[in-house]
Amino acid sequence: MAINTTITLQPVPAALEDFSITGADMSNNANIARTQLAQNPIAKFLIPFTDFRVWDDMDTLLPSTPATDDLGLVHGTFGTSSPSLQTEDLKAAGATNNRARAMVRIPTEYDSGETITLRFRAGMLTTVSDTTATLDAEAYKSDNEAGIGSDLVTTAATTINSLTLADIDFTVTPTGVVAGDWLDLRITTAINDGATGTAVIGIIGAAWLLCDIRG
């Protein structure tokens, strides 16, 4: 006896035509390792100003009025101006450094060994320095035993001597850095002004950690 069998071929799903799987094709509890996910380059993570402390006295909050060698956390007026890190008024003060320090966590999503950048939105208020104004960053990886390695930042101090704030980037050597690591970060403004005119104040309007992530 002859048997007639009809086979109906279904179209190949578009997701399989290029051997790719989209999020819609996966269960919400799919067992996929983070390393198998697509990389999202240069994701931005805010470093809150409230994380910054007095650089040589970490249990002390930054002053609201910059003083001595410390940057100040200037709170601004709610609804009118946002908080910022600022230097003292350094007109005619000569060469002066102001600093702050923070512990910055490498996010869980970080793609180990890939790009890490520290970015600051920085410039000058009221008047530029008649000589120089720079921002520098140093970052040391904690060994979680109260020890550190070497400075991972490879970018030199960069000028901020402009009334137009700009993104100032510092490259961090990623070798040996993995998700969950801590960076001991110190930032330094170095302003050298010899005039006696209006206020010469350095400002940082925002701080971020940028890195390549997966997931």
Protein backbone atom coordinates (compact mmCIF):
# COMPACT_ATOMS: atom_id res chain seq x y z
CA MET A 1 0.00 0.00 0.00
CA ALA A 2 1.35 3.35 -0.97
CA ILE A 3 1.38 6.06 1.68
CA ASN A 4 1.19 9.66 0.62
CA THR A 5 3.07 11.92 3.02
CA THR A 6 3.00 15.67 2.72
CA ILE A 7 5.76 17.62 4.40
CA THR A 8 5.25 21.32 4.86
CA LEU A 9 8.44 23.30 5.28
CA GLN A 10 8.25 26.32 7.55
CA PRO A 11 10.27 29.43 6.75
CA VAL A 12 13.53 29.74 8.61
CA PRO A 13 13.21 32.36 11.38
CA ALA A 14 15.08 35.53 10.48
CA ALA A 15 17.10 35.21 13.70
CA LEU A 16 18.61 31.97 12.42
CA GLU A 17 19.41 33.15 8.91
CA ASP A 18 22.53 34.91 10.18
CA PHE A 19 22.99 32.45 13.05
CA SER A 20 22.08 35.12 15.61
CA ILE A 21 19.59 35.04 18.46
CA THR A 22 17.73 38.11 19.58
CA GLY A 23 16.50 38.90 23.06
CA ALA A 24 12.97 37.97 22.00
CA ASP A 25 14.17 34.43 21.18
CA MET A 26 15.48 33.75 24.68
CA SER A 27 13.88 32.83 27.96
CA ASN A 28 14.18 35.39 30.74
CA ASN A 29 16.15 32.82 32.75
CA ALA A 30 18.44 31.63 29.97
CA ASN A 31 21.76 30.31 31.27
CA ILE A 32 24.05 32.65 29.31
CA ALA A 33 27.44 33.67 30.64
CA ARG A 34 28.20 37.40 30.75
CA THR A 35 31.22 36.82 28.49
CA GLN A 36 28.84 35.56 25.76
CA LEU A 37 26.92 38.83 25.67
CA ALA A 38 27.68 41.58 23.19
CA GLN A 39 30.06 44.25 24.47
CA ASN A 40 28.65 47.71 25.14
CA PRO A 41 31.62 50.05 24.71
CA ILE A 42 32.24 53.07 26.92
CA ALA A 43 29.27 52.84 29.27
CA LYS A 44 29.10 55.84 31.60
CA PHE A 45 28.83 55.54 35.40
CA LEU A 46 28.46 58.67 37.53
CA ILE A 47 30.91 59.21 40.40
CA PRO A 48 28.79 61.12 42.95
CA PHE A 49 30.45 64.20 44.46
CA THR A 50 29.33 62.94 47.87
CA ASP A 51 31.81 60.05 47.43
CA PHE A 52 34.74 62.48 47.46
CA ARG A 53 36.54 63.10 50.76
CA VAL A 54 39.46 65.10 52.12
CA TRP A 55 42.35 63.43 50.32
CA ASP A 56 44.66 63.00 53.34
CA ASP A 57 41.87 62.47 55.90
CA MET A 58 39.40 60.08 54.29
CA ASP A 59 37.00 60.00 57.24
CA THR A 60 36.37 63.74 56.73
CA LEU A 61 33.83 65.13 54.30
CA LEU A 62 34.91 67.80 51.84
CA PRO A 63 34.30 71.32 53.18
CA SER A 64 31.47 73.35 51.67
CA THR A 65 33.95 76.22 51.36
CA PRO A 66 37.23 75.23 49.65
CA ALA A 67 40.21 75.80 51.91
CA THR A 68 43.88 74.94 52.41
CA ASP A 69 44.64 72.21 49.84
CA ASP A 70 41.13 70.75 49.65
CA LEU A 71 38.54 71.09 46.95
CA GLY A 72 35.18 72.20 48.26
CA LEU A 73 31.83 70.50 47.66
CA VAL A 74 29.81 73.59 46.83
CA HIS A 75 26.18 72.56 47.28
CA GLY A 76 24.54 75.25 45.14
CA THR A 77 20.92 76.31 45.54
CA PHE A 78 18.31 73.61 45.01
CA GLY A 79 16.23 74.36 41.95
CA THR A 80 18.72 76.96 40.77
CA SER A 81 22.24 75.48 40.63
CA SER A 82 23.61 71.96 40.97
CA PRO A 83 26.46 70.87 43.28
CA SER A 84 30.05 71.06 42.03
CA LEU A 85 33.62 70.66 43.20
CA GLN A 86 35.44 73.99 43.32
CA THR A 87 38.78 75.46 44.28
CA GLU A 88 39.34 78.49 46.44
CA ASP A 89 39.42 81.91 44.81
CA LEU A 90 43.05 81.79 43.68
CA LYS A 91 43.51 85.21 42.10
CA ALA A 92 47.05 86.42 42.80
CA ALA A 93 47.67 83.31 44.94
CA GLY A 94 50.49 81.91 42.85
CA ALA A 95 50.86 78.16 42.34
CA THR A 96 48.23 76.35 44.43
CA ASN A 97 46.96 72.76 44.49
CA ASN A 98 43.50 71.63 45.64
CA ARG A 99 42.63 67.95 45.96
CA ALA A 100 39.91 65.40 46.69
CA ARG A 101 39.87 61.61 46.97
CA ALA A 102 37.31 58.88 46.39
CA MET A 103 37.02 55.11 46.21
CA VAL A 104 35.59 54.19 42.79
CA ARG A 105 34.19 50.70 42.22
CA ILE A 106 34.66 48.94 38.88
CA PRO A 107 31.11 47.82 37.96
CA THR A 108 29.97 44.21 37.90
CA GLU A 109 29.29 44.47 34.16
CA TYR A 110 32.88 45.50 33.33
CA ASP A 111 34.52 43.49 30.54
CA SER A 112 37.79 42.63 32.28
CA GLY A 113 40.92 44.08 30.71
CA GLU A 114 39.02 46.41 28.39
CA THR A 115 38.84 50.22 28.19
CA ILE A 116 38.58 52.32 31.36
CA THR A 117 38.46 56.13 31.33
CA LEU A 118 37.95 58.72 34.05
CA ARG A 119 36.10 61.78 32.76
CA PHE A 120 35.58 65.17 34.42
CA ARG A 121 33.57 68.13 33.17
CA ALA A 122 35.88 70.94 34.21
CA GLY A 123 36.90 74.54 33.60
CA MET A 124 37.07 77.93 35.31
CA LEU A 125 34.54 80.26 36.90
CA THR A 126 34.44 84.05 36.40
CA THR A 127 38.03 84.49 35.18
CA VAL A 128 40.74 82.26 33.70
CA SER A 129 44.16 82.13 35.30
CA ASP A 130 46.73 84.52 33.84
CA THR A 131 49.26 81.66 33.87
CA THR A 132 48.03 78.04 34.05
CA ALA A 133 45.23 75.88 35.40
CA THR A 134 45.26 72.09 35.10
CA LEU A 135 43.48 69.00 36.36
CA ASP A 136 45.28 65.76 37.16
CA ALA A 137 44.02 62.32 38.19
CA GLU A 138 45.76 59.40 39.89
CA ALA A 139 44.19 55.99 40.42
CA TYR A 140 45.55 52.99 42.29
CA LYS A 141 43.95 49.55 42.40
CA SER A 142 43.31 48.34 45.94
CA ASP A 143 44.55 44.84 46.78
CA ASN A 144 41.76 44.58 49.38
CA GLU A 145 44.40 44.21 52.07
CA ALA A 146 45.14 47.93 52.63
CA GLY A 147 47.79 47.84 49.88
CA ILE A 148 47.98 49.22 46.34
CA GLY A 149 49.95 48.84 43.14
CA SER A 150 51.18 51.62 40.86
CA ASP A 151 49.32 54.61 39.43
CA LEU A 152 47.16 53.30 36.57
CA VAL A 153 46.46 56.68 34.96
CA THR A 154 48.63 57.29 31.89
CA THR A 155 47.27 60.73 30.93
CA ALA A 156 49.22 63.79 32.07
CA ALA A 157 47.71 66.79 33.82
CA THR A 158 45.40 68.58 31.37
CA THR A 159 44.51 72.24 31.07
CA ILE A 160 41.13 73.45 32.35
CA ASN A 161 41.96 77.13 31.82
CA SER A 162 38.76 78.06 30.00
CA LEU A 163 35.41 79.57 30.98
CA THR A 164 33.77 76.96 28.73
CA LEU A 165 33.72 73.71 30.65
CA ALA A 166 34.91 70.66 28.68
CA ASP A 167 35.23 66.90 29.13
CA ILE A 168 38.70 66.07 30.46
CA ASP A 169 39.57 62.38 29.97
CA PHE A 170 42.18 60.29 31.78
CA THR A 171 43.07 56.84 30.46
CA VAL A 172 43.37 54.06 33.04
CA THR A 173 45.61 51.06 32.29
CA PRO A 174 43.15 48.11 32.39
CA THR A 175 45.70 45.32 32.76
CA GLY A 176 44.74 43.19 35.74
CA VAL A 177 41.59 45.18 36.48
CA VAL A 178 38.42 43.09 36.83
CA ALA A 179 34.80 43.66 37.77
CA GLY A 180 34.37 44.53 41.43
CA ASP A 181 37.85 46.03 41.88
CA TRP A 182 38.26 49.31 43.75
CA LEU A 183 40.24 52.29 42.46
CA ASP A 184 41.67 54.72 44.99
CA LEU A 185 41.25 57.99 43.07
CA ARG A 186 42.81 61.37 43.79
CA ILE A 187 42.16 64.44 41.67
CA THR A 188 44.28 67.60 41.81
CA THR A 189 43.67 71.06 40.42
CA ALA A 190 46.85 73.09 39.97
CA ILE A 191 46.22 76.79 39.40
CA ASN A 192 48.90 79.45 39.10
CA ASP A 193 47.60 83.02 38.97
CA GLY A 194 49.45 86.25 39.57
CA ALA A 195 46.78 88.85 38.79
CA THR A 196 44.76 90.83 41.33
CA GLY A 197 41.50 91.14 39.38
CA THR A 198 38.28 89.16 39.61
CA ALA A 199 37.85 85.67 41.10
CA VAL A 200 39.90 82.81 39.64
CA ILE A 201 38.15 79.55 40.60
CA GLY A 202 38.50 76.08 39.14
CA ILE A 203 35.33 74.00 38.87
CA ILE A 204 34.41 70.36 38.22
CA GLY A 205 30.76 70.03 37.25
CA ALA A 206 30.57 66.24 36.95
CA ALA A 207 32.71 63.10 37.25
CA TRP A 208 32.26 59.73 35.56
CA LEU A 209 33.87 56.32 35.16
CA LEU A 210 33.60 55.12 31.55
CA CYS A 211 34.31 51.48 30.69
CA ASP A 212 33.45 48.65 28.30
CA ILE A 213 30.77 46.37 29.71
CA ARG A 214 28.86 43.20 28.86
CA GLY A 215 25.26 43.02 30.00
